[in-house]
N, C-alpha and C. Protein backbone atom coordinates (compact mmCIF):
# COMPACT_ATOMS: atom_id res chain seq x y z
N MET A 1 17.70 235.15 -118.94
CA MET A 1 19.06 234.67 -118.76
C MET A 1 19.84 235.59 -117.83
N LYS A 2 19.64 236.90 -118.04
CA LYS A 2 20.33 237.88 -117.20
C LYS A 2 19.92 237.71 -115.73
N ARG A 3 18.65 237.43 -115.52
CA ARG A 3 18.11 237.24 -114.17
C ARG A 3 18.76 236.02 -113.49
N VAL A 4 18.94 234.93 -114.23
CA VAL A 4 19.58 233.72 -113.71
C VAL A 4 21.04 234.01 -113.36
N LEU A 5 21.72 234.76 -114.20
CA LEU A 5 23.11 235.12 -113.95
C LEU A 5 23.24 235.96 -112.67
N ILE A 6 22.38 236.94 -112.51
CA ILE A 6 22.40 237.79 -111.31
C ILE A 6 22.11 236.95 -110.07
N LEU A 7 21.10 236.10 -110.15
CA LEU A 7 20.75 235.23 -109.03
C LEU A 7 21.90 234.30 -108.68
N SER A 8 22.55 233.74 -109.68
CA SER A 8 23.70 232.86 -109.44
C SER A 8 24.83 233.60 -108.76
N CYS A 9 25.11 234.81 -109.22
CA CYS A 9 26.18 235.62 -108.60
C CYS A 9 25.84 235.93 -107.14
N MET A 10 24.57 236.26 -106.89
CA MET A 10 24.16 236.56 -105.51
C MET A 10 24.32 235.33 -104.62
N LEU A 11 23.96 234.17 -105.11
CA LEU A 11 24.10 232.94 -104.32
C LEU A 11 25.57 232.66 -104.02
N VAL A 12 26.44 232.87 -104.99
CA VAL A 12 27.88 232.67 -104.77
C VAL A 12 28.39 233.63 -103.70
N ILE A 13 27.97 234.89 -103.76
CA ILE A 13 28.39 235.89 -102.78
C ILE A 13 27.88 235.53 -101.39
N ILE A 14 26.62 235.13 -101.29
CA ILE A 14 26.06 234.74 -99.99
C ILE A 14 26.76 233.51 -99.45
N ALA A 15 26.99 232.53 -100.31
CA ALA A 15 27.69 231.31 -99.86
C ALA A 15 29.09 231.64 -99.40
N HIS A 16 29.79 232.52 -100.14
CA HIS A 16 31.14 232.90 -99.74
C HIS A 16 31.13 233.66 -98.41
N ALA A 17 30.16 234.55 -98.23
CA ALA A 17 30.09 235.32 -96.99
C ALA A 17 29.84 234.41 -95.79
N SER A 18 28.93 233.45 -95.93
CA SER A 18 28.66 232.56 -94.79
C SER A 18 29.83 231.62 -94.56
N PHE A 19 30.50 231.20 -95.63
CA PHE A 19 31.68 230.34 -95.51
C PHE A 19 32.79 231.06 -94.76
N ALA A 20 33.00 232.32 -95.07
CA ALA A 20 34.09 233.08 -94.47
C ALA A 20 33.83 233.38 -93.00
N GLN A 21 32.62 233.18 -92.53
CA GLN A 21 32.28 233.52 -91.15
C GLN A 21 32.44 232.37 -90.17
N LYS A 22 32.95 231.25 -90.59
CA LYS A 22 33.18 230.14 -89.67
C LYS A 22 34.66 230.07 -89.35
N TYR A 23 34.94 229.81 -88.07
CA TYR A 23 36.31 229.69 -87.59
C TYR A 23 36.47 228.30 -86.99
N PHE A 24 37.69 227.74 -87.09
CA PHE A 24 37.89 226.34 -86.74
C PHE A 24 39.29 226.09 -86.20
N THR A 25 39.40 225.10 -85.35
CA THR A 25 40.70 224.52 -84.98
C THR A 25 40.49 223.06 -84.62
N LYS A 26 41.54 222.29 -84.83
CA LYS A 26 41.55 220.91 -84.33
C LYS A 26 42.71 220.72 -83.36
N THR A 27 43.29 221.85 -82.93
CA THR A 27 44.41 221.80 -81.98
C THR A 27 44.11 222.64 -80.73
N GLY A 28 42.85 222.67 -80.35
CA GLY A 28 42.48 223.38 -79.12
C GLY A 28 43.12 222.71 -77.91
N GLN A 29 43.48 223.52 -76.94
CA GLN A 29 44.14 223.00 -75.74
C GLN A 29 43.16 223.05 -74.56
N ILE A 30 43.05 221.93 -73.88
CA ILE A 30 42.25 221.85 -72.67
C ILE A 30 43.11 221.22 -71.59
N SER A 31 43.10 221.85 -70.43
CA SER A 31 43.82 221.33 -69.27
C SER A 31 42.85 221.26 -68.10
N PHE A 32 43.07 220.30 -67.22
CA PHE A 32 42.29 220.32 -65.99
C PHE A 32 43.20 220.05 -64.81
N TYR A 33 42.78 220.59 -63.67
CA TYR A 33 43.59 220.54 -62.45
C TYR A 33 42.72 220.11 -61.28
N SER A 34 43.23 219.16 -60.53
CA SER A 34 42.64 218.74 -59.27
C SER A 34 43.71 218.97 -58.22
N ASP A 35 43.43 219.82 -57.28
CA ASP A 35 44.43 220.19 -56.29
C ASP A 35 43.90 219.92 -54.88
N THR A 36 44.51 218.94 -54.20
CA THR A 36 44.17 218.65 -52.81
C THR A 36 45.47 218.65 -52.00
N PRO A 37 45.36 218.71 -50.68
CA PRO A 37 46.57 218.65 -49.86
C PRO A 37 47.40 217.38 -50.08
N LEU A 38 46.73 216.29 -50.48
CA LEU A 38 47.44 215.02 -50.66
C LEU A 38 48.05 214.85 -52.04
N GLU A 39 47.40 215.43 -53.07
CA GLU A 39 47.90 215.18 -54.42
C GLU A 39 47.42 216.25 -55.40
N LYS A 40 48.31 216.61 -56.30
CA LYS A 40 47.97 217.50 -57.41
C LYS A 40 47.89 216.66 -58.67
N ILE A 41 46.78 216.78 -59.37
CA ILE A 41 46.58 216.03 -60.60
C ILE A 41 46.36 217.04 -61.72
N GLU A 42 47.07 216.83 -62.82
CA GLU A 42 47.00 217.75 -63.95
C GLU A 42 47.07 216.94 -65.24
N ALA A 43 46.23 217.30 -66.20
CA ALA A 43 46.26 216.63 -67.50
C ALA A 43 46.02 217.66 -68.60
N HIS A 44 46.55 217.36 -69.78
CA HIS A 44 46.47 218.28 -70.91
C HIS A 44 46.16 217.53 -72.19
N THR A 45 45.49 218.23 -73.10
CA THR A 45 45.33 217.75 -74.46
C THR A 45 45.50 218.94 -75.40
N LYS A 46 46.00 218.65 -76.58
CA LYS A 46 46.14 219.68 -77.61
C LYS A 46 45.41 219.25 -78.86
N SER A 47 44.33 218.49 -78.69
CA SER A 47 43.62 217.98 -79.86
C SER A 47 42.10 218.17 -79.77
N ALA A 48 41.68 219.23 -79.10
CA ALA A 48 40.25 219.54 -79.06
C ALA A 48 39.87 220.24 -80.36
N THR A 49 38.69 219.94 -80.86
CA THR A 49 38.19 220.64 -82.04
C THR A 49 37.20 221.70 -81.60
N CYS A 50 37.16 222.78 -82.34
CA CYS A 50 36.23 223.86 -82.05
C CYS A 50 35.80 224.52 -83.34
N VAL A 51 34.52 224.83 -83.41
CA VAL A 51 33.96 225.59 -84.52
C VAL A 51 33.19 226.76 -83.93
N LEU A 52 33.44 227.95 -84.46
CA LEU A 52 32.71 229.15 -84.05
C LEU A 52 32.07 229.76 -85.29
N ASP A 53 30.78 229.98 -85.22
CA ASP A 53 30.07 230.63 -86.32
C ASP A 53 30.14 232.14 -86.09
N GLY A 54 30.92 232.81 -86.92
CA GLY A 54 31.14 234.24 -86.78
C GLY A 54 29.94 235.10 -87.12
N SER A 55 28.88 234.51 -87.63
CA SER A 55 27.68 235.29 -87.95
C SER A 55 26.72 235.37 -86.77
N ASN A 56 26.83 234.43 -85.81
CA ASN A 56 25.86 234.44 -84.71
C ASN A 56 26.46 234.08 -83.34
N GLY A 57 27.74 233.72 -83.27
CA GLY A 57 28.37 233.42 -81.99
C GLY A 57 28.14 232.03 -81.46
N LYS A 58 27.52 231.16 -82.23
CA LYS A 58 27.33 229.77 -81.78
C LYS A 58 28.67 229.05 -81.90
N MET A 59 28.93 228.16 -80.91
CA MET A 59 30.20 227.44 -80.92
C MET A 59 30.01 226.02 -80.41
N GLU A 60 30.94 225.18 -80.84
CA GLU A 60 30.97 223.79 -80.38
C GLU A 60 32.41 223.36 -80.18
N PHE A 61 32.63 222.64 -79.08
CA PHE A 61 33.91 222.02 -78.78
C PHE A 61 33.69 220.52 -78.65
N ALA A 62 34.71 219.74 -78.99
CA ALA A 62 34.69 218.29 -78.75
C ALA A 62 36.12 217.85 -78.46
N VAL A 63 36.25 216.93 -77.49
CA VAL A 63 37.57 216.41 -77.15
C VAL A 63 37.44 214.93 -76.80
N LEU A 64 38.38 214.14 -77.31
CA LEU A 64 38.43 212.73 -76.94
C LEU A 64 39.06 212.60 -75.56
N ILE A 65 38.41 211.87 -74.70
CA ILE A 65 38.89 211.71 -73.31
C ILE A 65 40.27 211.06 -73.29
N LYS A 66 40.51 210.10 -74.15
CA LYS A 66 41.81 209.41 -74.15
C LYS A 66 42.95 210.30 -74.63
N SER A 67 42.64 211.48 -75.14
CA SER A 67 43.71 212.37 -75.61
C SER A 67 44.39 213.12 -74.45
N PHE A 68 43.80 213.09 -73.26
CA PHE A 68 44.42 213.77 -72.12
C PHE A 68 45.67 213.03 -71.68
N GLN A 69 46.75 213.77 -71.50
CA GLN A 69 48.04 213.21 -71.10
C GLN A 69 48.36 213.63 -69.66
N PHE A 70 48.81 212.68 -68.87
CA PHE A 70 49.17 212.90 -67.47
C PHE A 70 50.68 212.71 -67.31
N GLU A 71 51.20 213.27 -66.24
CA GLU A 71 52.63 213.08 -65.95
C GLU A 71 52.91 211.63 -65.60
N LYS A 72 51.98 210.99 -64.88
CA LYS A 72 52.15 209.61 -64.45
C LYS A 72 51.22 208.70 -65.26
N ALA A 73 51.79 207.67 -65.86
CA ALA A 73 51.01 206.75 -66.69
C ALA A 73 49.89 206.07 -65.91
N LEU A 74 50.13 205.75 -64.65
CA LEU A 74 49.11 205.09 -63.83
C LEU A 74 47.91 206.00 -63.60
N MET A 75 48.16 207.29 -63.42
CA MET A 75 47.05 208.25 -63.28
C MET A 75 46.20 208.26 -64.55
N GLN A 76 46.87 208.26 -65.69
CA GLN A 76 46.17 208.28 -66.97
C GLN A 76 45.33 207.02 -67.13
N GLU A 77 45.88 205.89 -66.76
CA GLU A 77 45.14 204.63 -66.85
C GLU A 77 43.91 204.64 -65.94
N HIS A 78 44.07 205.07 -64.70
CA HIS A 78 42.94 205.13 -63.76
C HIS A 78 41.88 206.13 -64.24
N PHE A 79 42.34 207.27 -64.75
CA PHE A 79 41.43 208.29 -65.27
C PHE A 79 40.54 207.70 -66.37
N ASN A 80 41.15 207.02 -67.33
CA ASN A 80 40.39 206.48 -68.46
C ASN A 80 39.54 205.27 -68.09
N GLU A 81 40.08 204.37 -67.28
CA GLU A 81 39.36 203.13 -66.99
C GLU A 81 38.39 203.25 -65.82
N ASN A 82 38.80 203.87 -64.74
CA ASN A 82 37.99 203.85 -63.51
C ASN A 82 37.07 205.05 -63.35
N TYR A 83 37.51 206.23 -63.73
CA TYR A 83 36.73 207.43 -63.46
C TYR A 83 35.92 207.88 -64.67
N MET A 84 36.58 208.10 -65.79
CA MET A 84 35.90 208.64 -66.97
C MET A 84 35.28 207.55 -67.85
N GLU A 85 35.69 206.31 -67.66
CA GLU A 85 35.16 205.19 -68.45
C GLU A 85 35.17 205.57 -69.93
N SER A 86 36.34 205.92 -70.42
CA SER A 86 36.46 206.49 -71.76
C SER A 86 36.10 205.53 -72.88
N ASN A 87 36.06 204.23 -72.62
CA ASN A 87 35.56 203.32 -73.66
C ASN A 87 34.05 203.45 -73.81
N LYS A 88 33.37 203.74 -72.72
CA LYS A 88 31.92 203.91 -72.72
C LYS A 88 31.52 205.34 -73.10
N PHE A 89 32.30 206.33 -72.63
CA PHE A 89 32.05 207.75 -72.89
C PHE A 89 33.31 208.35 -73.52
N PRO A 90 33.50 208.14 -74.82
CA PRO A 90 34.78 208.49 -75.45
C PRO A 90 35.09 209.98 -75.62
N LYS A 91 34.06 210.84 -75.55
CA LYS A 91 34.36 212.25 -75.74
C LYS A 91 33.49 213.13 -74.85
N SER A 92 33.95 214.35 -74.69
CA SER A 92 33.19 215.39 -74.01
C SER A 92 32.93 216.49 -75.04
N THR A 93 31.79 217.16 -74.88
CA THR A 93 31.42 218.20 -75.82
C THR A 93 30.88 219.43 -75.09
N PHE A 94 30.97 220.56 -75.77
CA PHE A 94 30.31 221.78 -75.33
C PHE A 94 29.61 222.35 -76.54
N LYS A 95 28.34 222.67 -76.38
CA LYS A 95 27.56 223.31 -77.44
C LYS A 95 26.90 224.54 -76.83
N GLY A 96 27.25 225.70 -77.37
CA GLY A 96 26.70 226.91 -76.80
C GLY A 96 26.89 228.12 -77.68
N GLN A 97 26.93 229.27 -77.04
CA GLN A 97 27.05 230.51 -77.77
C GLN A 97 27.70 231.59 -76.91
N ILE A 98 28.16 232.63 -77.61
CA ILE A 98 28.66 233.82 -76.94
C ILE A 98 27.43 234.69 -76.68
N ASP A 99 27.08 234.87 -75.41
CA ASP A 99 25.85 235.57 -75.06
C ASP A 99 25.89 237.05 -75.44
N ASN A 100 27.03 237.67 -75.32
CA ASN A 100 27.15 239.10 -75.64
C ASN A 100 27.87 239.28 -76.99
N PHE A 101 27.50 238.45 -77.95
CA PHE A 101 28.18 238.44 -79.24
C PHE A 101 28.12 239.79 -79.94
N ASN A 102 27.07 240.55 -79.69
CA ASN A 102 26.95 241.86 -80.35
C ASN A 102 28.03 242.84 -79.88
N SER A 103 28.71 242.55 -78.78
CA SER A 103 29.79 243.44 -78.32
C SER A 103 31.18 242.93 -78.72
N VAL A 104 31.22 241.85 -79.48
CA VAL A 104 32.48 241.29 -79.98
C VAL A 104 32.54 241.54 -81.48
N ASP A 105 33.52 242.32 -81.91
CA ASP A 105 33.66 242.66 -83.34
C ASP A 105 34.79 241.83 -83.94
N LEU A 106 34.42 240.74 -84.61
CA LEU A 106 35.41 239.83 -85.19
C LEU A 106 36.15 240.44 -86.38
N SER A 107 35.70 241.59 -86.86
CA SER A 107 36.37 242.24 -87.98
C SER A 107 37.37 243.31 -87.52
N LYS A 108 37.48 243.51 -86.20
CA LYS A 108 38.34 244.56 -85.68
C LYS A 108 39.30 243.98 -84.64
N ASN A 109 40.60 244.20 -84.86
CA ASN A 109 41.59 243.72 -83.90
C ASN A 109 41.30 244.26 -82.52
N GLY A 110 41.49 243.40 -81.52
CA GLY A 110 41.28 243.83 -80.15
C GLY A 110 41.00 242.66 -79.23
N ARG A 111 40.87 242.99 -77.97
CA ARG A 111 40.59 242.01 -76.92
C ARG A 111 39.17 242.25 -76.42
N TYR A 112 38.37 241.19 -76.42
CA TYR A 112 36.98 241.31 -76.06
C TYR A 112 36.65 240.36 -74.90
N ASN A 113 35.93 240.88 -73.93
CA ASN A 113 35.43 240.05 -72.84
C ASN A 113 34.09 239.47 -73.28
N ALA A 114 33.97 238.17 -73.16
CA ALA A 114 32.76 237.50 -73.63
C ALA A 114 32.12 236.70 -72.50
N LYS A 115 30.83 236.55 -72.59
CA LYS A 115 30.05 235.68 -71.72
C LYS A 115 29.62 234.50 -72.58
N VAL A 116 29.94 233.30 -72.14
CA VAL A 116 29.65 232.10 -72.91
C VAL A 116 28.74 231.19 -72.08
N SER A 117 27.73 230.63 -72.73
CA SER A 117 26.87 229.68 -72.04
C SER A 117 26.47 228.57 -73.01
N GLY A 118 26.13 227.43 -72.44
CA GLY A 118 25.72 226.30 -73.27
C GLY A 118 25.64 225.04 -72.45
N GLN A 119 25.72 223.93 -73.14
CA GLN A 119 25.61 222.63 -72.49
C GLN A 119 26.93 221.87 -72.60
N LEU A 120 27.45 221.49 -71.44
CA LEU A 120 28.68 220.73 -71.34
C LEU A 120 28.32 219.28 -71.04
N THR A 121 28.83 218.38 -71.87
CA THR A 121 28.59 216.95 -71.66
C THR A 121 29.91 216.29 -71.30
N ILE A 122 29.92 215.68 -70.13
CA ILE A 122 31.07 214.91 -69.63
C ILE A 122 30.52 213.62 -69.06
N HIS A 123 31.17 212.50 -69.38
CA HIS A 123 30.81 211.20 -68.79
C HIS A 123 29.33 210.87 -69.06
N GLY A 124 28.82 211.33 -70.21
CA GLY A 124 27.45 211.04 -70.59
C GLY A 124 26.40 211.90 -69.92
N VAL A 125 26.80 212.86 -69.11
CA VAL A 125 25.88 213.75 -68.39
C VAL A 125 26.01 215.16 -68.98
N THR A 126 24.88 215.77 -69.27
CA THR A 126 24.87 217.11 -69.84
C THR A 126 24.31 218.10 -68.83
N LYS A 127 25.05 219.19 -68.63
CA LYS A 127 24.65 220.25 -67.69
C LYS A 127 24.80 221.60 -68.36
N ASP A 128 23.96 222.54 -67.96
CA ASP A 128 24.11 223.91 -68.41
C ASP A 128 25.28 224.55 -67.68
N VAL A 129 26.10 225.28 -68.42
CA VAL A 129 27.22 226.00 -67.83
C VAL A 129 27.29 227.40 -68.43
N SER A 130 27.88 228.31 -67.69
CA SER A 130 28.17 229.63 -68.22
C SER A 130 29.47 230.10 -67.59
N THR A 131 30.24 230.86 -68.36
CA THR A 131 31.54 231.31 -67.90
C THR A 131 31.96 232.55 -68.67
N ASP A 132 33.00 233.17 -68.21
CA ASP A 132 33.60 234.29 -68.91
C ASP A 132 34.69 233.77 -69.84
N ALA A 133 34.93 234.49 -70.91
CA ALA A 133 35.98 234.13 -71.86
C ALA A 133 36.62 235.41 -72.39
N ILE A 134 37.79 235.24 -72.95
CA ILE A 134 38.48 236.34 -73.61
C ILE A 134 38.70 235.94 -75.06
N ILE A 135 38.34 236.84 -75.97
CA ILE A 135 38.56 236.61 -77.39
C ILE A 135 39.49 237.70 -77.88
N GLN A 136 40.63 237.29 -78.39
CA GLN A 136 41.62 238.22 -78.95
C GLN A 136 41.55 238.10 -80.47
N VAL A 137 41.14 239.17 -81.15
CA VAL A 137 41.07 239.19 -82.60
C VAL A 137 42.37 239.76 -83.14
N GLN A 138 43.03 238.98 -84.02
CA GLN A 138 44.28 239.41 -84.66
C GLN A 138 44.17 239.09 -86.14
N GLY A 139 43.81 240.09 -86.92
CA GLY A 139 43.58 239.85 -88.35
C GLY A 139 42.38 238.94 -88.52
N ASP A 140 42.57 237.82 -89.22
CA ASP A 140 41.46 236.87 -89.40
C ASP A 140 41.54 235.70 -88.42
N LYS A 141 42.39 235.83 -87.39
CA LYS A 141 42.55 234.76 -86.40
C LYS A 141 41.96 235.18 -85.06
N LEU A 142 41.45 234.19 -84.34
CA LEU A 142 40.86 234.42 -83.03
C LEU A 142 41.56 233.56 -82.00
N ASP A 143 42.05 234.18 -80.93
CA ASP A 143 42.60 233.44 -79.80
C ASP A 143 41.57 233.53 -78.69
N CYS A 144 41.05 232.38 -78.30
CA CYS A 144 39.98 232.33 -77.29
C CYS A 144 40.47 231.56 -76.08
N GLN A 145 40.10 232.05 -74.89
CA GLN A 145 40.46 231.32 -73.68
C GLN A 145 39.42 231.53 -72.59
N SER A 146 39.32 230.50 -71.76
CA SER A 146 38.38 230.54 -70.65
C SER A 146 38.86 229.59 -69.56
N THR A 147 38.51 229.92 -68.34
CA THR A 147 38.78 229.05 -67.20
C THR A 147 37.48 228.94 -66.40
N PHE A 148 37.11 227.73 -66.03
CA PHE A 148 35.90 227.52 -65.24
C PHE A 148 36.07 226.26 -64.39
N GLU A 149 35.11 226.01 -63.54
CA GLU A 149 35.19 224.85 -62.64
C GLU A 149 33.96 223.97 -62.80
N VAL A 150 34.15 222.68 -62.62
CA VAL A 150 33.04 221.73 -62.62
C VAL A 150 33.16 220.82 -61.40
N ALA A 151 32.02 220.49 -60.84
CA ALA A 151 31.97 219.54 -59.73
C ALA A 151 31.93 218.14 -60.33
N VAL A 152 32.86 217.31 -59.92
CA VAL A 152 32.99 215.94 -60.43
C VAL A 152 31.68 215.17 -60.25
N ALA A 153 31.05 215.30 -59.09
CA ALA A 153 29.82 214.56 -58.80
C ALA A 153 28.67 214.96 -59.72
N ASP A 154 28.67 216.20 -60.21
CA ASP A 154 27.60 216.66 -61.10
C ASP A 154 27.55 215.87 -62.40
N TYR A 155 28.66 215.26 -62.76
CA TYR A 155 28.74 214.53 -64.02
C TYR A 155 28.78 213.01 -63.81
N GLY A 156 28.35 212.57 -62.66
CA GLY A 156 28.23 211.13 -62.40
C GLY A 156 29.55 210.40 -62.33
N ILE A 157 30.62 211.12 -62.02
CA ILE A 157 31.93 210.49 -61.90
C ILE A 157 32.11 210.08 -60.45
N THR A 158 32.26 208.79 -60.23
CA THR A 158 32.38 208.25 -58.89
C THR A 158 33.84 208.09 -58.51
N ILE A 159 34.21 208.61 -57.36
CA ILE A 159 35.57 208.49 -56.85
C ILE A 159 35.53 207.46 -55.71
N PRO A 160 36.31 206.38 -55.81
CA PRO A 160 36.32 205.36 -54.75
C PRO A 160 36.74 205.97 -53.41
N ALA A 161 36.15 205.48 -52.35
CA ALA A 161 36.41 206.00 -51.01
C ALA A 161 37.89 205.99 -50.65
N VAL A 162 38.62 204.99 -51.11
CA VAL A 162 40.03 204.86 -50.74
C VAL A 162 40.88 206.03 -51.26
N VAL A 163 40.44 206.70 -52.36
CA VAL A 163 41.22 207.83 -52.91
C VAL A 163 40.42 209.13 -52.92
N LYS A 164 39.29 209.18 -52.23
CA LYS A 164 38.44 210.36 -52.30
C LYS A 164 39.11 211.63 -51.80
N ASP A 165 40.09 211.52 -50.92
CA ASP A 165 40.81 212.70 -50.43
C ASP A 165 41.93 213.13 -51.38
N ASN A 166 42.23 212.30 -52.36
CA ASN A 166 43.30 212.62 -53.32
C ASN A 166 42.79 213.43 -54.53
N ILE A 167 41.49 213.43 -54.73
CA ILE A 167 40.91 214.08 -55.90
C ILE A 167 39.95 215.16 -55.45
N ALA A 168 40.13 216.35 -55.99
CA ALA A 168 39.28 217.48 -55.63
C ALA A 168 37.84 217.23 -56.06
N LYS A 169 36.91 217.73 -55.27
CA LYS A 169 35.50 217.60 -55.60
C LYS A 169 35.13 218.54 -56.75
N VAL A 170 35.88 219.63 -56.88
CA VAL A 170 35.69 220.59 -57.97
C VAL A 170 37.00 220.69 -58.74
N VAL A 171 36.91 220.51 -60.04
CA VAL A 171 38.08 220.50 -60.91
C VAL A 171 38.10 221.78 -61.75
N LYS A 172 39.27 222.39 -61.86
CA LYS A 172 39.45 223.60 -62.65
C LYS A 172 39.80 223.20 -64.08
N ILE A 173 39.10 223.79 -65.05
CA ILE A 173 39.32 223.49 -66.46
C ILE A 173 39.74 224.77 -67.18
N LYS A 174 40.79 224.66 -67.98
CA LYS A 174 41.28 225.80 -68.76
C LYS A 174 41.21 225.42 -70.23
N VAL A 175 40.63 226.32 -71.04
CA VAL A 175 40.46 226.08 -72.47
C VAL A 175 41.14 227.20 -73.24
N MET A 176 41.93 226.82 -74.26
CA MET A 176 42.55 227.80 -75.15
C MET A 176 42.41 227.27 -76.58
N ALA A 177 41.93 228.14 -77.47
CA ALA A 177 41.76 227.73 -78.86
C ALA A 177 42.18 228.87 -79.77
N ASN A 178 43.03 228.55 -80.73
CA ASN A 178 43.45 229.49 -81.75
C ASN A 178 42.69 229.14 -83.03
N LEU A 179 41.70 229.96 -83.34
CA LEU A 179 40.80 229.67 -84.45
C LEU A 179 41.21 230.44 -85.71
N GLU A 180 41.04 229.78 -86.84
CA GLU A 180 41.32 230.40 -88.13
C GLU A 180 40.09 230.21 -89.01
N PRO A 181 39.95 231.04 -90.05
CA PRO A 181 38.81 230.86 -90.94
C PRO A 181 38.76 229.43 -91.48
N LEU A 182 37.59 228.86 -91.49
CA LEU A 182 37.40 227.50 -91.99
C LEU A 182 37.58 227.50 -93.49
N LYS A 183 38.43 226.60 -93.96
CA LYS A 183 38.68 226.47 -95.41
C LYS A 183 38.19 225.11 -95.85
N GLN A 184 37.53 225.10 -96.96
CA GLN A 184 37.01 223.82 -97.49
C GLN A 184 37.74 223.42 -98.73
């Protein structure tokens, strides 16, 4: 009986330790920018989800394409219907890890430079990506941010010839996520 009690206590401790090592948000911010001499296009969302496993540095992001907001309603309509085909490809995802996770101490306040790599899926196309990120540890909260670029053509997004000069061939993406311990 004593052995069962000890084993049960150990399982509870292990479960609690692994539970406490996950960080989450459903209010991650993603912005993208297309800048050409003819037109500047910018869109934002504040509803990206992110999970970071604090025990190994694995992370996942997901964002609904229709959640991106534009200054001009017509741009938003064209983005969803003509370019991103958001009814066919409703979300984009990133699945990867912090490559230098051993140099990021999530238990110690500070600012850490991170290398992140994984697979980014946009418009149904998945590509390997890697970028730099900054992780700011403040107590049990993590502020993460990164900026990187993607080539529109790499993800099978076709730009009609009539507007090809209005949209940049490479789009700048900015990601910010304020993560907190996952609570169940």
